[in-house]
Amino acid sequence: MLDYIALGILIFAAITLFYGIIVIHDIPYEIAVHRNHPHQDAIHYAGWVSLFTLHAIWPFLWIWSTLYREDRGWGFESSGPPTSAEPAAESTGADDTEAEDTRQEPVLAEVAEAGDIAAGETASHESIALVRHKLEALEDRIGRIEEAILAAGDEK
């Protein structure tokens, strides 16, 4: 009689351990779903792969799933005005700003179409101003990179 009870406890422990490991490996996926992570499916599949790699990548899945939050994204972007490390682009005259505006209009139109307008809303002036600010910052960074490449080429 005790043999059957011991066998039942052993089978119950094995089943509990089996399902417990599966549930633990779904924790990063559940975090990703809760945070509306853009890579939910990849985290879920990687969790299953982690079962077969003896849990080697599971801690990285946990980190990956907790890095993203829907309200702040990845948390690496600054949305404020440029800081001293990121100086604002200097314009030399009205002609330069008009030329930049004509180059930015198609980009702004695409952003507006892909964003708010696709959902049936109109793009607000604040969102366009934010996109314009980020575009100006990117153009400034590209200009500095080009200058550094040219300076490095002149040194040779």
C-alpha atoms as a PDB file:
ATOM      1  CA  MET A   1       0.000   0.000   0.000  1.00  0.00           C
ATOM      2  CA  LEU A   2       2.792   2.451   0.868  1.00  0.00           C
ATOM      3  CA  ASP A   3       4.447   1.624  -2.454  1.00  0.00           C
ATOM      4  CA  TYR A   4       1.423   2.956  -4.344  1.00  0.00           C
ATOM      5  CA  ILE A   5       1.302   6.112  -2.241  1.00  0.00           C
ATOM      6  CA  ALA A   6       5.022   6.725  -2.837  1.00  0.00           C
ATOM      7  CA  LEU A   7       4.552   6.119  -6.574  1.00  0.00           C
ATOM      8  CA  GLY A   8       1.625   8.581  -6.639  1.00  0.00           C
ATOM      9  CA  ILE A   9       3.675  11.230  -4.822  1.00  0.00           C
ATOM     10  CA  LEU A  10       6.586  10.664  -7.238  1.00  0.00           C
ATOM     11  CA  ILE A  11       4.334  11.030 -10.303  1.00  0.00           C
ATOM     12  CA  PHE A  12       2.658  14.128  -8.821  1.00  0.00           C
ATOM     13  CA  ALA A  13       6.087  15.696  -8.122  1.00  0.00           C
ATOM     14  CA  ALA A  14       7.315  14.948 -11.666  1.00  0.00           C
ATOM     15  CA  ILE A  15       4.196  16.452 -13.268  1.00  0.00           C
ATOM     16  CA  THR A  16       4.339  19.519 -10.997  1.00  0.00           C
ATOM     17  CA  LEU A  17       8.034  20.027 -11.782  1.00  0.00           C
ATOM     18  CA  PHE A  18       7.410  19.645 -15.530  1.00  0.00           C
ATOM     19  CA  TYR A  19       4.582  22.211 -15.614  1.00  0.00           C
ATOM     20  CA  GLY A  20       6.388  24.476 -13.137  1.00  0.00           C
ATOM     21  CA  ILE A  21       9.383  24.791 -15.456  1.00  0.00           C
ATOM     22  CA  ILE A  22       7.106  25.635 -18.385  1.00  0.00           C
ATOM     23  CA  VAL A  23       5.267  28.282 -16.338  1.00  0.00           C
ATOM     24  CA  ILE A  24       8.549  29.825 -15.152  1.00  0.00           C
ATOM     25  CA  HIS A  25       9.789  30.053 -18.726  1.00  0.00           C
ATOM     26  CA  ASP A  26       6.639  31.915 -19.739  1.00  0.00           C
ATOM     27  CA  ILE A  27       7.235  34.686 -17.197  1.00  0.00           C
ATOM     28  CA  PRO A  28       9.248  36.900 -19.632  1.00  0.00           C
ATOM     29  CA  TYR A  29       6.513  36.464 -22.237  1.00  0.00           C
ATOM     30  CA  GLU A  30       3.826  37.427 -19.724  1.00  0.00           C
ATOM     31  CA  ILE A  31       5.841  40.530 -18.793  1.00  0.00           C
ATOM     32  CA  ALA A  32       6.157  41.390 -22.499  1.00  0.00           C
ATOM     33  CA  VAL A  33       2.401  41.007 -23.005  1.00  0.00           C
ATOM     34  CA  HIS A  34       1.662  43.150 -19.944  1.00  0.00           C
ATOM     35  CA  ARG A  35       4.011  45.903 -21.195  1.00  0.00           C
ATOM     36  CA  ASN A  36       2.766  45.632 -24.807  1.00  0.00           C
ATOM     37  CA  HIS A  37       6.309  44.819 -25.934  1.00  0.00           C
ATOM     38  CA  PRO A  38       6.880  45.021 -29.716  1.00  0.00           C
ATOM     39  CA  HIS A  39       8.838  41.714 -29.647  1.00  0.00           C
ATOM     40  CA  GLN A  40       6.320  39.584 -27.734  1.00  0.00           C
ATOM     41  CA  ASP A  41       6.408  36.680 -30.162  1.00  0.00           C
ATOM     42  CA  ALA A  42      10.195  36.581 -30.319  1.00  0.00           C
ATOM     43  CA  ILE A  43      10.401  36.525 -26.517  1.00  0.00           C
ATOM     44  CA  HIS A  44       7.842  33.720 -26.403  1.00  0.00           C
ATOM     45  CA  TYR A  45       9.701  31.587 -28.945  1.00  0.00           C
ATOM     46  CA  ALA A  46      13.027  32.284 -27.264  1.00  0.00           C
ATOM     47  CA  GLY A  47      11.489  31.091 -23.985  1.00  0.00           C
ATOM     48  CA  TRP A  48      10.778  27.724 -25.591  1.00  0.00           C
ATOM     49  CA  VAL A  49      14.284  27.612 -27.034  1.00  0.00           C
ATOM     50  CA  SER A  50      15.577  28.332 -23.538  1.00  0.00           C
ATOM     51  CA  LEU A  51      13.954  25.105 -22.332  1.00  0.00           C
ATOM     52  CA  PHE A  52      16.191  23.173 -24.701  1.00  0.00           C
ATOM     53  CA  THR A  53      19.354  25.192 -23.964  1.00  0.00           C
ATOM     54  CA  LEU A  54      19.212  24.316 -20.258  1.00  0.00           C
ATOM     55  CA  HIS A  55      17.954  27.778 -19.306  1.00  0.00           C
ATOM     56  CA  ALA A  56      21.090  29.557 -20.535  1.00  0.00           C
ATOM     57  CA  ILE A  57      19.258  32.430 -22.276  1.00  0.00           C
ATOM     58  CA  TRP A  58      16.345  32.777 -19.842  1.00  0.00           C
ATOM     59  CA  PRO A  59      17.900  35.623 -17.764  1.00  0.00           C
ATOM     60  CA  PHE A  60      18.475  37.593 -20.969  1.00  0.00           C
ATOM     61  CA  LEU A  61      14.817  37.090 -21.919  1.00  0.00           C
ATOM     62  CA  TRP A  62      13.796  38.489 -18.561  1.00  0.00           C
ATOM     63  CA  ILE A  63      15.967  41.582 -19.128  1.00  0.00           C
ATOM     64  CA  TRP A  64      14.748  41.945 -22.733  1.00  0.00           C
ATOM     65  CA  SER A  65      11.109  41.813 -21.703  1.00  0.00           C
ATOM     66  CA  THR A  66      11.530  44.369 -18.904  1.00  0.00           C
ATOM     67  CA  LEU A  67      13.484  46.933 -20.949  1.00  0.00           C
ATOM     68  CA  TYR A  68      10.449  48.168 -22.876  1.00  0.00           C
ATOM     69  CA  ARG A  69       7.547  50.108 -21.392  1.00  0.00           C
ATOM     70  CA  GLU A  70       4.685  51.387 -23.490  1.00  0.00           C
ATOM     71  CA  ASP A  71       4.643  54.827 -21.862  1.00  0.00           C
ATOM     72  CA  ARG A  72       8.354  55.576 -22.382  1.00  0.00           C
ATOM     73  CA  GLY A  73       9.447  53.088 -25.037  1.00  0.00           C
ATOM     74  CA  TRP A  74      12.993  51.825 -24.613  1.00  0.00           C
ATOM     75  CA  GLY A  75      13.877  54.789 -22.404  1.00  0.00           C
ATOM     76  CA  PHE A  76      16.907  55.865 -24.399  1.00  0.00           C
ATOM     77  CA  GLU A  77      15.421  58.813 -26.324  1.00  0.00           C
ATOM     78  CA  SER A  78      15.346  62.374 -25.097  1.00  0.00           C
ATOM     79  CA  SER A  79      12.214  64.280 -26.003  1.00  0.00           C
ATOM     80  CA  GLY A  80      13.220  67.664 -24.603  1.00  0.00           C
ATOM     81  CA  PRO A  81      15.201  70.497 -26.126  1.00  0.00           C
ATOM     82  CA  PRO A  82      18.824  69.818 -27.087  1.00  0.00           C
ATOM     83  CA  THR A  83      21.319  69.794 -24.241  1.00  0.00           C
ATOM     84  CA  SER A  84      24.827  71.249 -24.220  1.00  0.00           C
ATOM     85  CA  ALA A  85      26.178  67.929 -25.531  1.00  0.00           C
ATOM     86  CA  GLU A  86      23.688  68.166 -28.399  1.00  0.00           C
ATOM     87  CA  PRO A  87      23.834  71.768 -29.673  1.00  0.00           C
ATOM     88  CA  ALA A  88      21.053  73.132 -31.837  1.00  0.00           C
ATOM     89  CA  ALA A  89      21.750  73.538 -35.530  1.00  0.00           C
ATOM     90  CA  GLU A  90      22.802  77.056 -36.446  1.00  0.00           C
ATOM     91  CA  SER A  91      21.114  78.564 -39.467  1.00  0.00           C
ATOM     92  CA  THR A  92      22.946  81.062 -41.644  1.00  0.00           C
ATOM     93  CA  GLY A  93      19.896  82.784 -43.019  1.00  0.00           C
ATOM     94  CA  ALA A  94      16.279  82.618 -44.102  1.00  0.00           C
ATOM     95  CA  ASP A  95      17.192  80.742 -47.291  1.00  0.00           C
ATOM     96  CA  ASP A  96      18.571  77.815 -45.269  1.00  0.00           C
ATOM     97  CA  THR A  97      15.435  77.452 -43.145  1.00  0.00           C
ATOM     98  CA  GLU A  98      13.169  77.590 -46.187  1.00  0.00           C
ATOM     99  CA  ALA A  99      15.246  74.909 -47.920  1.00  0.00           C
ATOM    100  CA  GLU A 100      15.079  72.710 -44.800  1.00  0.00           C
ATOM    101  CA  ASP A 101      11.298  73.201 -44.570  1.00  0.00           C
ATOM    102  CA  THR A 102      10.788  72.051 -48.162  1.00  0.00           C
ATOM    103  CA  ARG A 103      12.918  68.953 -47.532  1.00  0.00           C
ATOM    104  CA  GLN A 104      11.072  68.135 -44.323  1.00  0.00           C
ATOM    105  CA  GLU A 105       7.529  68.476 -45.635  1.00  0.00           C
ATOM    106  CA  PRO A 106       7.430  65.074 -47.439  1.00  0.00           C
ATOM    107  CA  VAL A 107       8.896  63.382 -44.358  1.00  0.00           C
ATOM    108  CA  LEU A 108       6.373  65.069 -42.075  1.00  0.00           C
ATOM    109  CA  ALA A 109       3.550  64.062 -44.387  1.00  0.00           C
ATOM    110  CA  GLU A 110       4.680  60.411 -44.307  1.00  0.00           C
ATOM    111  CA  VAL A 111       4.964  60.459 -40.520  1.00  0.00           C
ATOM    112  CA  ALA A 112       1.511  61.988 -40.203  1.00  0.00           C
ATOM    113  CA  GLU A 113       0.009  59.416 -42.577  1.00  0.00           C
ATOM    114  CA  ALA A 114       1.644  56.506 -40.762  1.00  0.00           C
ATOM    115  CA  GLY A 115       0.713  57.793 -37.325  1.00  0.00           C
ATOM    116  CA  ASP A 116      -2.391  59.654 -36.238  1.00  0.00           C
ATOM    117  CA  ILE A 117      -4.099  60.052 -39.612  1.00  0.00           C
ATOM    118  CA  ALA A 118      -4.043  56.303 -40.253  1.00  0.00           C
ATOM    119  CA  ALA A 119      -6.132  55.897 -37.098  1.00  0.00           C
ATOM    120  CA  GLY A 120      -8.660  58.445 -38.366  1.00  0.00           C
ATOM    121  CA  GLU A 121      -7.332  61.395 -36.394  1.00  0.00           C
ATOM    122  CA  THR A 122      -5.641  64.546 -37.608  1.00  0.00           C
ATOM    123  CA  ALA A 123      -1.997  65.210 -36.834  1.00  0.00           C
ATOM    124  CA  SER A 124      -1.588  67.933 -34.228  1.00  0.00           C
ATOM    125  CA  HIS A 125       0.828  70.809 -34.537  1.00  0.00           C
ATOM    126  CA  GLU A 126       2.686  69.614 -31.436  1.00  0.00           C
ATOM    127  CA  SER A 127       3.416  66.211 -32.943  1.00  0.00           C
ATOM    128  CA  ILE A 128       4.603  67.813 -36.175  1.00  0.00           C
ATOM    129  CA  ALA A 129       6.779  70.214 -34.175  1.00  0.00           C
ATOM    130  CA  LEU A 130       8.229  67.287 -32.219  1.00  0.00           C
ATOM    131  CA  VAL A 131       8.999  65.391 -35.423  1.00  0.00           C
ATOM    132  CA  ARG A 132      10.531  68.529 -36.917  1.00  0.00           C
ATOM    133  CA  HIS A 133      12.710  69.000 -33.799  1.00  0.00           C
ATOM    134  CA  LYS A 134      13.920  65.400 -33.927  1.00  0.00           C
ATOM    135  CA  LEU A 135      14.576  65.673 -37.661  1.00  0.00           C
ATOM    136  CA  GLU A 136      16.649  68.824 -37.132  1.00  0.00           C
ATOM    137  CA  ALA A 137      18.647  67.079 -34.405  1.00  0.00           C
ATOM    138  CA  LEU A 138      19.293  64.122 -36.720  1.00  0.00           C
ATOM    139  CA  GLU A 139      20.374  66.402 -39.557  1.00  0.00           C
ATOM    140  CA  ASP A 140      22.757  68.166 -37.168  1.00  0.00           C
ATOM    141  CA  ARG A 141      24.241  64.839 -36.082  1.00  0.00           C
ATOM    142  CA  ILE A 142      24.636  63.729 -39.702  1.00  0.00           C
ATOM    143  CA  GLY A 143      26.401  67.004 -40.511  1.00  0.00           C
ATOM    144  CA  ARG A 144      28.836  66.525 -37.627  1.00  0.00           C
ATOM    145  CA  ILE A 145      29.524  62.940 -38.701  1.00  0.00           C
ATOM    146  CA  GLU A 146      30.175  64.055 -42.282  1.00  0.00           C
ATOM    147  CA  GLU A 147      32.574  66.735 -41.025  1.00  0.00           C
ATOM    148  CA  ALA A 148      34.417  64.180 -38.903  1.00  0.00           C
ATOM    149  CA  ILE A 149      34.726  61.812 -41.863  1.00  0.00           C
ATOM    150  CA  LEU A 150      36.048  64.585 -44.086  1.00  0.00           C
ATOM    151  CA  ALA A 151      38.499  65.685 -41.388  1.00  0.00           C
ATOM    152  CA  ALA A 152      39.712  62.087 -40.982  1.00  0.00           C
ATOM    153  CA  GLY A 153      40.134  61.807 -44.767  1.00  0.00           C
ATOM    154  CA  ASP A 154      42.158  65.040 -44.897  1.00  0.00           C
ATOM    155  CA  GLU A 155      44.550  63.800 -42.211  1.00  0.00           C
ATOM    156  CA  LYS A 156      45.610  60.865 -44.349  1.00  0.00           C
END
